[in-house]
Amino acid sequence: MRNGSVCSGEVLKKIRGFYRSNDIIKVITGVLRCGKSTLMKMVADELKAQGVPVERILYLDLDQRKYRKIKTADQLEDLITSSIHEADQNYVFVDEIQNVKGFEEVINGFREDGNCSIFITGSNSYLLSGELATKLTGRYIEFEMFTLTFEEYEQMKAFYHVQISDNPMIELQNYILEGGFPRAVLIDNLEDKRRYTESVVQEIFEKDIRHRVKIRKRESFETARQYLINNFGSTTSISNLQRDLKKNGQTITRQTLARYIQALVDAKVLYECNRFDMKSRKSIAGEKKYYLSDLSFYFALNTDNRINYEPVLENIVYLYARSMDSRVSVGRIGKLECDFIMRDTSMNYAYVQVAYTIAQGRETEDRKYRPLEMIRDNYPKYIATTDYLLQKRNGIQHVNLMDFMKAEKIF
């Protein structure tokens, strides 16, 4: 759970083992306003609680007015050098690192000196750029943050004494419509929450996209962006997207579309989920699904409040699995599709089908069970629905979606 002083326990668990790893730069990524700065402050606070002297911890937020003139690599190097103790162990945190041109060589230089444990965050488009990967390959590790999970959303509301419905379905609907940006939880009404999300979208374009990607035709980019956001959870290929946009009067080359999509993925507006043929054990070229980093993007940019539960619930489960450090793909078994194949860091698998309910009839039930019944291995298989009356069938676990997302592990 995270709020003004508490950050996601899952991410902290992942990063704690590297607090004193001076040879590895810790790069914290995640969609804008998801709480990356809060995470870094929490790491600094934990170090203080462990007895690290305050003077050995340097925290630089390069967006602050007092650091507004720090724009060059030399200026950043001088600032850090004058603030640390060269003979002692130091902990250096730099927020909004992209404000400094050529920061990679400076940060790597302090890493090589061996007496600094370094944590950085900022614009995803800069942090995930090819330049960073080229200059720091093998010298950094990425820790990815996500917006609030459903459980964190409820915990944060409880912490700030925001009213929580006794009906879990109403709370789920609130979460879907409001989204998981921590700041939005503290905003009173839905209209203002959406204004906030719209401002986040605009900031992402200006901060994470426009300065890194040449977008000559903003209208074409926004048309492609809106199409992808409106069709989240649907199988998409560049060819199909190009054809659909052409029908709407927008002629865009495949190369340009690919750049637009990559810009949205790099900015973590979208997550790319590849399709996987389980018989051939190969990825299916060209076919992908895109999920939103936060559902509020869809509802803030559309006037329609009606919820299409199938892609919405898929999106929620996808983000939950990713927050649990799982790799996720869409599975195909012959002509049948399994919503998600999940793989953890120990190469364990789980298979998950998602539906609003399977209580409406045998046809829906069979459609969800049949792909799982065709999988012959012994890894866990789940059907996650909002149903509270659960059933058993061929060893497949029918679970309540809200309870499933509150479990500590999937595998």
Foldseek 3Di string as FASTA:
>chain_A
DDAQQDDDPLLCVVCVVQQQVLQAEEEEDEFPLQQSVNVVVNSVVVVVVVPDDPLQEAAAECVDPVNVPQAECVSVLVVVVVRHDLVAAHEYEYEQQVSHPPVLVSSNVSSVSPRYHHYYYHALLVCVDPVNCVSQPPRYDYRYGFFDALVRLVVLCVVVVNDDDPDVVVSVLVCLQLKRRNVSSPDDDSLVSLVVVVVSVVCLCVGHNPVNDPDPDVVLLVVLVLVLLQQAPDKDFLVVSQVVVVVVVDHDDSVVSVRSVVSCVSSQQKDKAWEAEPVVRGTDPRIIGIAGSISSVNNSVDVDSDDPPQSSLLNSVVNLLVSNQWRWHWYDYPPATFSIWTAHPVRAIETEAEDQDPPPDDVSVCNHVVVVVPDPDDGAYEYEHCDPDFDDDPRHHYYHNVVCSVDSDDD
